[in-house]
Amino acid sequence: MPSDLVLGWDLGGAHLKAAAVARNGKVLWVRQLPCPLWLGLEQLDRAVASVLEEQPGARWHAVTMTGELTDFFRTRGQGVTGILSRFGRHVPASRTLVYAGMSGFFTPQRAAKNPEAVASANWMASAQLVASRVPNALFVDIGSTTTDIVPIRDGKLAVRGHSDYERLACEELVYTGIVRTPVMALADRIPFDGKWIAPMAEYFATTADVYRLTGELPEGADQLPAADNGGKTVRDSARRLARMVGRDFESASLSAWRQCARHLAELQLLKIRQACDRVLSRVKEAERAPLVGAGVGRFLVRKLAVQLGRRYRDFDGLVDTAPDVGSWASSCAPAVAVAVLVWARARKRK
């Protein structure tokens, strides 16, 4: 027999995130697993099976996704239907609800017929939950790959974009994250040895290397292979970063490579800060409304809050969590959010 748990799923293109919420609304358990969907749907099978092994028999499964964007699928619509079909091999459709943004939750059958409502809607689930707790805020979720910037005014989402295209155009979606972003996407020139060096347009190093060198990479954030499939020590990251400017690690001191990483980190923060400034410039939100941070890169949101002269709040402080869940509720905010939203939906219907 199913338990009273609601299991929330965020089916991404690089990671699968899951969260279990009890009937009292408490977040009991959160997991993030690598799930490189570009390698095939077998990756999803393995990750889903691993979660169900730990959390079998949930009464409801609340699903959101971004994995339809991977180039394994010919179109995003095909991605939505393909992911739902594969997920349905593991979880009965009768116990599955698919998040469709402002339209609420769909059955898997309805979601498959309306893929545009389901595709990449995970950011809205997190933002809706934040808006129900903090009526005026700027919600910023910095993950391994992307950054979501969502203004909240009077308990409602004051957004201009809904689709990925619309959100990219107004910078409510910024394609930069603290693990998977290639270094070549951060800068058109890098200062080194008194010169400006144009970085090589090659996938030699990523932001995981940058933040490993600055000492800010959160534990457990980097779950996928490095750019060269090599090691993940500080020296390994410095070696990959050195290649971006046509050098070998041994040609300079470790402190020189750390300084290079700090410069790149500042450029990424500036990119996100400028997008936040743009969004805030058009939203007449309450004076000094706080920044609410989520994602494995929320340490950058704390920095932004200081720069903007605003208070900072962590996403996991807005939900009731078991002691051992810790900060993973913030790192996996969409999975937590869809589970809490379904739990609240069920409570209202009683």
Protein backbone atom coordinates (compact mmCIF):
# COMPACT_ATOMS: atom_id res chain seq x y z
CA MET A 1 0.00 0.00 0.00
CA PRO A 2 1.28 3.52 -0.75
CA SER A 3 2.45 5.65 2.14
CA ASP A 4 1.34 9.22 2.77
CA LEU A 5 4.57 10.57 1.28
CA VAL A 6 4.63 12.88 -1.72
CA LEU A 7 7.75 12.37 -3.81
CA GLY A 8 8.81 15.40 -5.85
CA TRP A 9 10.91 14.89 -8.98
CA ASP A 10 12.91 17.42 -10.99
CA LEU A 11 14.03 15.55 -14.11
CA GLY A 12 16.90 17.59 -15.53
CA GLY A 13 19.20 17.03 -18.45
CA ALA A 14 22.28 16.59 -16.25
CA HIS A 15 20.86 15.71 -12.83
CA LEU A 16 17.79 14.15 -11.30
CA LYS A 17 16.62 15.69 -8.05
CA ALA A 18 14.05 14.15 -5.71
CA ALA A 19 12.43 15.17 -2.42
CA ALA A 20 10.07 13.34 -0.05
CA VAL A 21 7.45 15.33 1.86
CA ALA A 22 5.42 13.82 4.70
CA ARG A 23 1.71 14.31 5.35
CA ASN A 24 2.52 17.08 7.85
CA GLY A 25 4.32 19.00 5.11
CA LYS A 26 7.83 18.34 6.42
CA VAL A 27 10.61 17.71 3.91
CA LEU A 28 12.10 14.42 5.11
CA TRP A 29 14.58 13.48 2.42
CA VAL A 30 16.33 15.05 -0.60
CA ARG A 31 18.67 13.58 -3.20
CA GLN A 32 20.53 14.76 -6.29
CA LEU A 33 21.87 12.15 -8.71
CA PRO A 34 23.83 12.51 -11.95
CA CYS A 35 21.61 11.84 -14.95
CA PRO A 36 23.26 12.86 -18.26
CA LEU A 37 20.23 12.41 -20.49
CA TRP A 38 22.19 13.26 -23.64
CA LEU A 39 23.62 9.74 -23.30
CA GLY A 40 20.19 8.12 -23.49
CA LEU A 41 17.07 7.36 -21.47
CA GLU A 42 18.83 4.50 -19.71
CA GLN A 43 20.39 7.23 -17.57
CA LEU A 44 16.91 8.21 -16.41
CA ASP A 45 16.05 4.57 -15.70
CA ARG A 46 19.05 4.19 -13.41
CA ALA A 47 18.47 7.42 -11.51
CA VAL A 48 14.73 6.84 -11.03
CA ALA A 49 15.33 3.26 -9.87
CA SER A 50 17.91 4.48 -7.35
CA VAL A 51 15.44 6.96 -5.85
CA LEU A 52 12.62 4.41 -5.68
CA GLU A 53 14.91 1.96 -3.95
CA GLU A 54 15.32 4.47 -1.13
CA GLN A 55 11.76 5.83 -1.19
CA PRO A 56 9.33 3.12 -2.37
CA GLY A 57 5.57 3.37 -2.19
CA ALA A 58 4.89 7.13 -2.15
CA ARG A 59 1.22 7.98 -2.49
CA TRP A 60 1.83 10.74 -5.05
CA HIS A 61 4.66 11.56 -7.43
CA ALA A 62 4.93 15.23 -8.47
CA VAL A 63 7.05 15.72 -11.59
CA THR A 64 8.69 18.72 -13.20
CA MET A 65 11.46 18.73 -15.78
CA THR A 66 14.05 20.47 -17.94
CA GLY A 67 15.52 17.32 -19.46
CA GLU A 68 13.50 17.79 -22.65
CA LEU A 69 16.12 20.37 -23.70
CA THR A 70 18.88 17.82 -24.16
CA ASP A 71 19.96 17.17 -27.74
CA PHE A 72 19.06 13.51 -27.36
CA PHE A 73 15.56 14.64 -28.39
CA ARG A 74 14.75 16.14 -31.77
CA THR A 75 12.24 18.62 -30.30
CA ARG A 76 11.32 19.76 -26.80
CA GLY A 77 7.84 18.32 -27.23
CA GLN A 78 9.34 14.95 -28.11
CA GLY A 79 11.49 15.30 -25.01
CA VAL A 80 8.52 15.87 -22.73
CA THR A 81 6.59 12.88 -24.07
CA GLY A 82 9.70 10.69 -24.10
CA ILE A 83 10.60 11.48 -20.50
CA LEU A 84 7.03 10.98 -19.26
CA SER A 85 6.74 7.70 -21.11
CA ARG A 86 9.99 6.43 -19.62
CA PHE A 87 9.09 7.65 -16.13
CA GLY A 88 5.79 5.79 -16.47
CA ARG A 89 7.69 2.51 -16.67
CA HIS A 90 8.68 3.03 -13.05
CA VAL A 91 5.74 4.91 -11.51
CA PRO A 92 2.01 4.34 -12.24
CA ALA A 93 0.29 7.17 -14.12
CA SER A 94 -2.54 6.97 -11.58
CA ARG A 95 -0.18 8.26 -8.89
CA THR A 96 1.70 10.82 -11.03
CA LEU A 97 0.98 14.54 -11.33
CA VAL A 98 2.96 16.68 -13.77
CA TYR A 99 3.59 20.35 -13.03
CA ALA A 100 2.30 22.69 -15.74
CA GLY A 101 3.09 26.12 -14.35
CA MET A 102 0.13 28.43 -13.80
CA SER A 103 -2.18 25.69 -15.09
CA GLY A 104 -1.42 23.61 -12.02
CA PHE A 105 -0.89 19.87 -12.25
CA PHE A 106 -1.78 17.63 -15.19
CA THR A 107 -2.16 13.90 -15.47
CA PRO A 108 0.65 12.34 -17.54
CA GLN A 109 -1.80 11.85 -20.41
CA ARG A 110 -2.82 15.50 -20.45
CA ALA A 111 0.80 16.63 -20.02
CA ALA A 112 1.85 14.58 -23.06
CA LYS A 113 -0.80 16.38 -25.11
CA ASN A 114 0.31 19.82 -23.81
CA PRO A 115 4.10 19.61 -23.68
CA GLU A 116 4.56 23.38 -23.98
CA ALA A 117 2.91 23.84 -20.57
CA VAL A 118 5.25 21.32 -18.95
CA ALA A 119 8.59 22.04 -20.62
CA SER A 120 11.14 23.75 -18.34
CA ALA A 121 8.51 24.87 -15.84
CA ASN A 122 10.50 23.83 -12.77
CA TRP A 123 11.60 27.41 -11.97
CA MET A 124 7.97 28.46 -11.58
CA ALA A 125 7.25 25.78 -8.99
CA SER A 126 10.07 27.06 -6.77
CA ALA A 127 9.03 30.67 -7.33
CA GLN A 128 5.37 29.96 -6.50
CA LEU A 129 6.39 28.41 -3.22
CA VAL A 130 8.64 31.37 -2.39
CA ALA A 131 5.84 33.83 -3.27
CA SER A 132 3.50 32.08 -0.84
CA ARG A 133 6.02 32.69 1.97
CA VAL A 134 7.72 35.97 0.99
CA PRO A 135 5.29 38.31 -0.82
CA ASN A 136 7.97 40.72 -2.05
CA ALA A 137 11.33 39.33 -3.07
CA LEU A 138 13.81 38.64 -5.82
CA PHE A 139 14.17 34.89 -6.09
CA VAL A 140 17.49 33.79 -7.59
CA ASP A 141 18.26 30.10 -8.18
CA ILE A 142 21.84 29.51 -9.35
CA GLY A 143 22.36 25.89 -10.27
CA SER A 144 25.04 23.84 -11.94
CA THR A 145 24.04 25.04 -15.42
CA THR A 146 21.59 27.95 -15.30
CA THR A 147 20.42 30.90 -13.24
CA ASP A 148 16.74 31.79 -12.72
CA ILE A 149 15.84 35.35 -11.70
CA VAL A 150 12.22 35.76 -10.61
CA PRO A 151 10.78 39.02 -9.24
CA ILE A 152 7.92 38.56 -6.76
CA ARG A 153 5.52 41.40 -5.96
CA ASP A 154 2.53 41.22 -3.62
CA GLY A 155 2.70 37.44 -3.54
CA LYS A 156 2.63 37.07 -7.34
CA LEU A 157 5.28 36.39 -9.94
CA ALA A 158 6.04 39.68 -11.71
CA VAL A 159 7.70 37.98 -14.67
CA ARG A 160 7.76 38.91 -18.34
CA GLY A 161 8.88 35.57 -19.69
CA HIS A 162 7.43 32.09 -19.43
CA SER A 163 9.12 30.02 -22.13
CA ASP A 164 12.89 29.58 -22.23
CA TYR A 165 13.05 31.87 -25.26
CA GLU A 166 11.07 34.64 -23.56
CA ARG A 167 13.03 34.31 -20.33
CA LEU A 168 16.38 34.41 -22.11
CA ALA A 169 15.29 37.56 -23.96
CA CYS A 170 14.48 39.43 -20.73
CA GLU A 171 17.32 37.84 -18.71
CA GLU A 172 15.03 36.13 -16.23
CA LEU A 173 16.94 33.06 -17.40
CA VAL A 174 20.72 33.35 -17.67
CA TYR A 175 22.54 30.34 -19.03
CA THR A 176 25.37 30.27 -16.54
CA GLY A 177 25.98 28.01 -13.55
CA ILE A 178 28.69 27.09 -11.07
CA VAL A 179 29.58 23.60 -12.32
CA ARG A 180 28.92 22.90 -16.01
CA THR A 181 29.43 26.26 -17.73
CA PRO A 182 32.48 26.16 -20.05
CA VAL A 183 35.14 28.73 -19.12
CA MET A 184 35.13 29.99 -22.71
CA ALA A 185 31.58 31.28 -22.08
CA LEU A 186 32.66 33.52 -19.21
CA ALA A 187 35.21 35.81 -20.83
CA ASP A 188 36.48 36.99 -24.19
CA ARG A 189 39.85 37.73 -22.61
CA ILE A 190 41.64 36.63 -19.44
CA PRO A 191 44.41 38.60 -17.69
CA PHE A 192 47.54 36.49 -17.28
CA ASP A 193 51.21 37.35 -16.83
CA GLY A 194 50.54 41.02 -17.55
CA LYS A 195 48.75 40.30 -20.81
CA TRP A 196 45.17 39.89 -22.00
CA ILE A 197 44.75 36.41 -23.44
CA ALA A 198 41.73 35.38 -25.50
CA PRO A 199 40.66 32.00 -24.08
CA MET A 200 40.68 29.04 -26.41
CA ALA A 201 37.24 28.19 -27.76
CA GLU A 202 37.54 24.65 -26.49
CA TYR A 203 35.82 22.64 -23.77
CA PHE A 204 38.96 22.44 -21.67
CA ALA A 205 37.65 23.67 -18.30
CA THR A 206 34.38 24.54 -16.57
CA THR A 207 33.14 26.67 -13.71
CA ALA A 208 33.55 23.68 -11.39
CA ASP A 209 37.29 24.16 -11.95
CA VAL A 210 36.97 27.89 -11.31
CA TYR A 211 35.21 27.46 -7.96
CA ARG A 212 37.40 24.55 -6.92
CA LEU A 213 40.34 26.93 -7.29
CA THR A 214 38.60 29.76 -5.41
CA GLY A 215 37.67 27.30 -2.65
CA GLU A 216 33.92 27.97 -3.02
CA LEU A 217 32.68 24.85 -4.81
CA PRO A 218 30.08 23.26 -2.49
CA GLU A 219 30.61 19.67 -1.45
CA GLY A 220 28.64 17.28 -3.66
CA ALA A 221 27.92 19.88 -6.34
CA ASP A 222 30.20 18.45 -9.03
CA GLN A 223 28.77 15.01 -9.83
CA LEU A 224 29.61 14.63 -13.53
CA PRO A 225 32.97 13.92 -15.22
CA ALA A 226 35.42 16.79 -15.62
CA ALA A 227 35.92 18.32 -19.06
CA ASP A 228 38.87 16.00 -19.71
CA ASN A 229 37.42 13.09 -17.71
CA GLY A 230 40.36 13.64 -15.38
CA GLY A 231 40.75 14.13 -11.65
CA LYS A 232 39.08 16.70 -9.43
CA THR A 233 41.88 17.97 -7.23
CA VAL A 234 42.88 21.63 -7.10
CA ARG A 235 45.92 20.82 -9.26
CA ASP A 236 43.71 19.04 -11.81
CA SER A 237 41.48 22.11 -12.06
CA ALA A 238 44.49 24.41 -12.40
CA ARG A 239 45.87 22.18 -15.17
CA ARG A 240 42.60 22.41 -17.10
CA LEU A 241 42.37 26.17 -16.59
CA ALA A 242 45.96 26.63 -17.77
CA ARG A 243 45.07 24.97 -21.04
CA MET A 244 42.45 27.69 -21.67
CA VAL A 245 45.27 30.23 -22.11
CA GLY A 246 47.63 27.89 -23.94
CA ARG A 247 49.83 27.13 -20.96
CA ASP A 248 50.76 24.14 -18.81
CA PHE A 249 50.11 24.12 -15.08
CA GLU A 250 53.84 23.90 -14.34
CA SER A 251 54.54 27.14 -16.23
CA ALA A 252 53.21 29.31 -13.38
CA SER A 253 52.50 29.13 -9.67
CA LEU A 254 49.28 27.76 -8.21
CA SER A 255 48.56 31.24 -6.86
CA ALA A 256 48.63 32.57 -10.44
CA TRP A 257 46.00 30.06 -11.51
CA ARG A 258 43.90 30.88 -8.44
CA GLN A 259 44.04 34.56 -9.38
CA CYS A 260 42.89 33.65 -12.89
CA ALA A 261 39.96 31.71 -11.39
CA ARG A 262 39.02 34.64 -9.13
CA HIS A 263 38.84 36.92 -12.16
CA LEU A 264 36.56 34.49 -13.98
CA ALA A 265 34.35 34.10 -10.90
CA GLU A 266 33.97 37.88 -10.68
CA LEU A 267 32.95 38.03 -14.34
CA GLN A 268 30.26 35.41 -13.78
CA LEU A 269 28.95 37.25 -10.73
CA LEU A 270 28.87 40.50 -12.74
CA LYS A 271 26.88 38.80 -15.49
CA ILE A 272 24.26 37.64 -12.99
CA ARG A 273 24.32 41.00 -11.17
CA GLN A 274 23.62 42.88 -14.39
CA ALA A 275 20.66 40.60 -15.15
CA CYS A 276 19.32 41.19 -11.62
CA ASP A 277 19.74 44.95 -12.06
CA ARG A 278 17.80 44.80 -15.33
CA VAL A 279 14.94 42.84 -13.76
CA LEU A 280 14.79 45.06 -10.68
CA SER A 281 14.78 48.21 -12.81
CA ARG A 282 11.31 47.43 -14.13
CA VAL A 283 9.68 45.94 -11.04
CA LYS A 284 8.13 48.32 -8.53
CA GLU A 285 8.65 45.89 -5.68
CA ALA A 286 8.69 46.78 -1.99
CA GLU A 287 11.70 48.79 -0.92
CA ARG A 288 14.62 46.62 0.18
CA ALA A 289 12.81 43.37 -0.56
CA PRO A 290 15.14 40.47 0.21
CA LEU A 291 16.93 38.15 -2.15
CA VAL A 292 15.87 34.54 -1.71
CA GLY A 293 18.58 32.13 -2.84
CA ALA A 294 18.41 28.56 -4.06
CA GLY A 295 20.55 26.15 -6.04
CA VAL A 296 24.06 24.83 -5.42
CA GLY A 297 25.38 28.26 -6.41
CA ARG A 298 23.38 30.26 -3.90
CA PHE A 299 26.62 31.38 -2.24
CA LEU A 300 26.72 33.82 -5.15
CA VAL A 301 23.22 35.06 -4.27
CA ARG A 302 24.53 35.94 -0.81
CA LYS A 303 27.24 38.02 -2.48
CA LEU A 304 24.63 39.69 -4.68
CA ALA A 305 22.54 40.56 -1.64
CA VAL A 306 25.53 42.36 -0.11
CA GLN A 307 26.22 44.23 -3.35
CA LEU A 308 22.57 45.24 -3.70
CA GLY A 309 22.24 46.22 -0.02
CA ARG A 310 19.43 43.74 0.61
CA ARG A 311 18.72 41.03 3.12
CA TYR A 312 19.32 37.42 2.14
CA ARG A 313 17.06 34.46 2.85
CA ASP A 314 17.75 30.85 2.05
CA PHE A 315 15.06 28.77 0.33
CA ASP A 316 15.36 25.98 2.89
CA GLY A 317 14.42 28.46 5.63
CA LEU A 318 10.98 28.79 4.03
CA VAL A 319 10.04 25.12 4.39
CA ASP A 320 9.93 22.71 7.31
CA THR A 321 12.81 20.26 6.94
CA ALA A 322 14.09 17.28 8.88
CA PRO A 323 17.46 17.94 10.57
CA ASP A 324 19.45 15.66 8.26
CA VAL A 325 18.09 17.26 5.07
CA GLY A 326 20.24 20.32 5.62
CA SER A 327 20.94 22.67 2.73
CA TRP A 328 19.99 20.13 0.05
CA ALA A 329 16.41 21.43 0.19
CA SER A 330 17.76 24.68 -1.26
CA SER A 331 20.00 22.92 -3.77
CA CYS A 332 17.04 20.89 -5.07
CA ALA A 333 14.36 23.58 -4.74
CA PRO A 334 12.10 22.57 -7.68
CA ALA A 335 11.80 18.97 -6.46
CA VAL A 336 10.95 20.20 -2.97
CA ALA A 337 8.52 22.77 -4.37
CA VAL A 338 6.43 20.40 -6.51
CA ALA A 339 6.18 17.95 -3.62
CA VAL A 340 5.06 20.68 -1.19
CA LEU A 341 2.59 22.09 -3.74
CA VAL A 342 0.98 18.67 -4.27
CA TRP A 343 0.86 18.11 -0.51
CA ALA A 344 -0.88 21.50 -0.06
CA ARG A 345 -3.26 20.65 -2.92
CA ALA A 346 -4.22 17.35 -1.28
CA ARG A 347 -4.75 19.02 2.09
CA LYS A 348 -7.13 21.59 0.59
CA ARG A 349 -9.24 18.84 -0.95
CA LYS A 350 -9.77 17.03 2.35
